[in-house]
Amino acid sequence: MDKQTNLLNVPQTLKVNYYSVYLCVPGFRGTGKSGVLVEFSKLSFHFRSYGDLTDQELEEICDFLYQKVTSREKAALSQLKSCYNIFRSVAYRTSSACAEQVSAERSSQLKSLLLEYFEKKDPLDMLGGDNIEEEELIDLKLQDWKDHICSDVRLFLSIRHDERFSGRAIARIFHGIASPCYPAQVYGRDRRFWRKYIHLDFNKIMQLAKEEIIHQK
């Protein structure tokens, strides 16, 4: 497998793509000669494959990337829940309860919990036995809604048969998450689908939507 990593090609390519997209947008103003501002805030990898991979190798790469992204999403969500639980454990029910006097005990408890949180080197360490039980509860909850979700996916695809959707795009619509391709001003008008399944797991909805899209092909 031949691969090449060239960090200089990434900004060059992106600038060309951004320029070609936004050049014709009325009222768009940026900076520089092209009128486009491109910002880079995180490191990334530019992977180039020359098309000599076998089908099996492509499948393995896709599976690896999917598992990597999924595990990171779960880790980030677990971090968010941990932070919420930490602050909730030391919070007062009303602001008046702590307006006049600071609780040294709660302050020390918060410091201790935050120190323990940041001492965890790998975010994936937060995914323990509680996460397994949570996954089981999510699966049980989904079983009651599975038929409804699949039916709504088929209805949604039949109504918008002239458009193309991925499983993730449909899950975003069912969760009410807008994007440039699927703005709330357009898709949020149809309340039959927009934010209808916000109480269910996003990834599970995405998987069901993928299966229905495959079945209709």
Protein backbone atom coordinates (compact mmCIF):
# COMPACT_ATOMS: atom_id res chain seq x y z
CA MET A 1 0.00 0.00 0.00
CA ASP A 2 1.48 3.29 -1.06
CA LYS A 3 0.64 6.30 1.01
CA GLN A 4 1.84 9.86 1.25
CA THR A 5 1.48 12.50 3.95
CA ASN A 6 1.98 16.07 2.83
CA LEU A 7 0.79 18.74 5.25
CA LEU A 8 1.43 21.54 2.76
CA ASN A 9 -1.08 20.12 0.28
CA VAL A 10 -3.91 20.28 2.83
CA PRO A 11 -4.22 24.08 3.20
CA GLN A 12 -3.55 24.53 -0.51
CA THR A 13 -6.34 22.14 -1.44
CA LEU A 14 -8.77 23.61 1.08
CA LYS A 15 -8.12 27.14 -0.10
CA VAL A 16 -8.89 26.13 -3.67
CA ASN A 17 -12.10 24.37 -2.60
CA TYR A 18 -13.23 27.24 -0.38
CA TYR A 19 -12.44 29.75 -3.10
CA SER A 20 -14.43 27.87 -5.73
CA VAL A 21 -17.43 27.55 -3.38
CA TYR A 22 -17.62 31.03 -1.91
CA LEU A 23 -16.47 33.08 -4.86
CA CYS A 24 -19.96 33.18 -6.30
CA VAL A 25 -21.80 33.78 -3.00
CA PRO A 26 -23.32 37.30 -3.00
CA GLY A 27 -22.24 39.48 -0.11
CA PHE A 28 -19.44 37.16 1.04
CA ARG A 29 -16.39 39.05 2.23
CA GLY A 30 -13.21 37.57 3.56
CA THR A 31 -9.59 38.52 3.86
CA GLY A 32 -6.66 38.19 1.52
CA LYS A 33 -6.54 38.15 -2.25
CA SER A 34 -9.21 35.49 -2.63
CA GLY A 35 -11.56 37.02 -0.06
CA VAL A 36 -11.57 33.73 1.86
CA LEU A 37 -10.38 33.16 5.42
CA VAL A 38 -9.21 29.61 6.22
CA GLU A 39 -8.33 28.80 9.84
CA PHE A 40 -6.50 25.72 11.13
CA SER A 41 -6.77 25.00 14.85
CA LYS A 42 -6.01 21.26 15.16
CA LEU A 43 -3.47 18.87 13.72
CA SER A 44 -4.69 16.38 11.14
CA PHE A 45 -3.44 13.77 8.71
CA HIS A 46 -3.69 13.91 4.95
CA PHE A 47 -3.92 10.33 3.67
CA ARG A 48 -3.54 9.59 -0.02
CA SER A 49 -4.18 6.16 -1.50
CA TYR A 50 -3.28 5.39 -5.10
CA GLY A 51 -6.12 2.94 -5.66
CA ASP A 52 -4.18 -0.28 -5.27
CA LEU A 53 -6.07 -1.50 -2.20
CA THR A 54 -8.08 -4.69 -2.33
CA ASP A 55 -11.73 -4.78 -1.30
CA GLN A 56 -10.75 -6.57 1.91
CA GLU A 57 -8.18 -3.89 2.77
CA LEU A 58 -10.72 -1.13 2.14
CA GLU A 59 -13.21 -2.89 4.42
CA GLU A 60 -10.60 -3.21 7.16
CA ILE A 61 -9.66 0.46 6.90
CA CYS A 62 -13.31 1.55 7.03
CA ASP A 63 -14.00 -0.68 10.03
CA PHE A 64 -10.92 0.62 11.85
CA LEU A 65 -11.80 4.27 11.23
CA TYR A 66 -15.42 3.72 12.23
CA GLN A 67 -14.45 2.01 15.49
CA LYS A 68 -11.93 4.75 16.21
CA VAL A 69 -14.44 7.53 15.66
CA THR A 70 -17.15 5.73 17.64
CA SER A 71 -14.88 5.09 20.62
CA ARG A 72 -13.82 8.74 20.66
CA GLU A 73 -17.43 9.91 20.49
CA LYS A 74 -18.31 7.69 23.44
CA ALA A 75 -15.28 8.90 25.38
CA ALA A 76 -16.17 12.56 24.75
CA LEU A 77 -19.77 11.95 25.82
CA SER A 78 -18.55 10.15 28.94
CA GLN A 79 -16.31 13.12 29.76
CA LEU A 80 -19.25 15.49 29.39
CA LYS A 81 -21.41 13.35 31.67
CA SER A 82 -18.58 13.11 34.23
CA CYS A 83 -18.22 16.90 34.34
CA TYR A 84 -21.97 17.27 34.73
CA ASN A 85 -22.08 14.78 37.60
CA ILE A 86 -19.09 16.43 39.32
CA PHE A 87 -20.63 19.89 39.38
CA ARG A 88 -24.08 18.55 40.17
CA SER A 89 -22.77 16.70 43.22
CA VAL A 90 -21.57 19.93 44.86
CA ALA A 91 -24.23 22.31 43.54
CA TYR A 92 -26.98 23.92 45.57
CA ARG A 93 -30.61 23.77 44.55
CA THR A 94 -30.90 27.56 44.58
CA SER A 95 -28.39 30.38 44.38
CA SER A 96 -29.71 31.93 47.61
CA ALA A 97 -28.37 28.96 49.60
CA CYS A 98 -24.76 29.97 48.86
CA ALA A 99 -25.08 33.69 48.23
CA GLU A 100 -23.89 34.84 51.66
CA GLN A 101 -21.44 32.14 52.73
CA VAL A 102 -19.01 29.92 50.83
CA SER A 103 -18.87 26.26 51.79
CA ALA A 104 -15.23 25.28 52.30
CA GLU A 105 -16.25 21.62 52.43
CA ARG A 106 -17.93 21.68 49.04
CA SER A 107 -15.08 23.69 47.57
CA SER A 108 -12.55 21.08 48.74
CA GLN A 109 -14.76 18.30 47.43
CA LEU A 110 -14.98 19.96 44.02
CA LYS A 111 -11.21 20.43 43.86
CA SER A 112 -10.68 16.77 44.73
CA LEU A 113 -13.14 15.56 42.09
CA LEU A 114 -11.66 17.81 39.40
CA LEU A 115 -8.14 16.66 40.27
CA GLU A 116 -9.23 13.05 39.93
CA TYR A 117 -10.90 13.86 36.61
CA PHE A 118 -7.81 15.47 35.07
CA GLU A 119 -5.46 12.78 36.38
CA LYS A 120 -7.08 10.27 34.05
CA LYS A 121 -4.65 10.22 31.16
CA ASP A 122 -6.85 8.43 28.65
CA PRO A 123 -10.50 9.54 28.22
CA LEU A 124 -11.32 5.95 27.27
CA ASP A 125 -10.60 4.95 30.88
CA MET A 126 -13.92 6.52 31.79
CA LEU A 127 -15.72 3.84 29.81
CA GLY A 128 -16.13 1.17 32.41
CA GLY A 129 -18.79 -1.27 33.60
CA ASP A 130 -21.35 1.50 34.00
CA ASN A 131 -21.08 2.19 30.28
CA ILE A 132 -21.88 -1.45 29.47
CA GLU A 133 -25.02 -1.31 31.61
CA GLU A 134 -25.98 1.98 29.97
CA GLU A 135 -25.60 0.41 26.51
CA GLU A 136 -27.92 -2.41 27.52
CA LEU A 137 -30.53 0.07 28.75
CA ILE A 138 -30.26 2.00 25.50
CA ASP A 139 -30.83 -1.19 23.50
CA LEU A 140 -33.87 -2.11 25.58
CA LYS A 141 -35.33 1.36 25.19
CA LEU A 142 -34.74 1.30 21.45
CA GLN A 143 -36.69 -1.95 21.00
CA ASP A 144 -39.93 -0.15 21.89
CA TRP A 145 -39.30 2.44 19.16
CA LYS A 146 -37.52 0.42 16.49
CA ASP A 147 -40.59 -0.20 14.29
CA HIS A 148 -41.64 3.46 14.54
CA ILE A 149 -38.19 4.69 13.58
CA CYS A 150 -37.89 2.37 10.58
CA SER A 151 -41.37 3.35 9.42
CA ASP A 152 -40.54 7.05 9.68
CA VAL A 153 -37.26 6.56 7.81
CA ARG A 154 -39.12 4.88 4.94
CA LEU A 155 -41.74 7.63 4.93
CA PHE A 156 -39.08 10.34 5.00
CA LEU A 157 -37.19 8.77 2.09
CA SER A 158 -40.37 8.34 0.05
CA ILE A 159 -41.35 11.99 0.55
CA ARG A 160 -37.90 13.23 -0.42
CA HIS A 161 -37.17 10.57 -3.03
CA ASP A 162 -35.39 13.07 -5.27
CA GLU A 163 -32.76 13.78 -2.60
CA ARG A 164 -29.93 11.64 -1.26
CA PHE A 165 -29.44 11.05 2.46
CA SER A 166 -26.98 9.13 4.58
CA GLY A 167 -27.89 7.39 7.81
CA ARG A 168 -26.12 10.13 9.76
CA ALA A 169 -28.03 12.87 7.94
CA ILE A 170 -31.38 11.27 8.79
CA ALA A 171 -30.32 10.79 12.41
CA ARG A 172 -29.36 14.46 12.58
CA ILE A 173 -32.80 15.45 11.29
CA PHE A 174 -34.55 13.14 13.76
CA HIS A 175 -32.46 14.75 16.53
CA GLY A 176 -33.03 18.28 15.23
CA ILE A 177 -29.35 18.99 14.51
CA ALA A 178 -29.10 21.49 11.68
CA SER A 179 -26.28 21.61 9.14
CA PRO A 180 -25.50 23.64 6.00
CA CYS A 181 -26.84 20.81 3.83
CA TYR A 182 -29.92 20.24 6.01
CA PRO A 183 -30.86 23.61 7.57
CA ALA A 184 -33.52 23.87 10.23
CA GLN A 185 -35.29 26.55 8.20
CA VAL A 186 -36.11 23.89 5.60
CA TYR A 187 -36.23 20.54 7.35
CA GLY A 188 -37.47 21.88 10.67
CA ARG A 189 -40.78 22.80 9.12
CA ASP A 190 -41.83 19.18 8.95
CA ARG A 191 -42.52 18.31 12.58
CA ARG A 192 -43.23 14.71 11.69
CA PHE A 193 -39.48 14.11 11.68
CA TRP A 194 -37.60 17.10 13.11
CA ARG A 195 -36.47 16.40 16.72
CA LYS A 196 -38.97 13.53 16.96
CA TYR A 197 -36.50 11.02 18.40
CA ILE A 198 -34.26 13.32 20.39
CA HIS A 199 -34.82 11.11 23.46
CA LEU A 200 -33.20 8.10 21.76
CA ASP A 201 -29.54 7.30 21.10
CA PHE A 202 -28.17 9.06 18.02
CA ASN A 203 -25.91 6.22 16.85
CA LYS A 204 -28.69 3.64 17.13
CA ILE A 205 -30.98 5.78 14.99
CA MET A 206 -28.20 6.25 12.47
CA GLN A 207 -27.68 2.48 12.23
CA LEU A 208 -31.39 1.81 11.67
CA ALA A 209 -31.52 4.55 9.02
CA LYS A 210 -28.52 3.01 7.23
CA GLU A 211 -30.23 -0.38 7.15
CA GLU A 212 -33.40 1.11 5.67
CA ILE A 213 -31.43 3.00 3.01
CA ILE A 214 -29.66 -0.22 2.01
CA HIS A 215 -32.97 -2.11 1.83
CA GLN A 216 -34.42 0.45 -0.58
CA LYS A 217 -31.51 0.20 -3.01
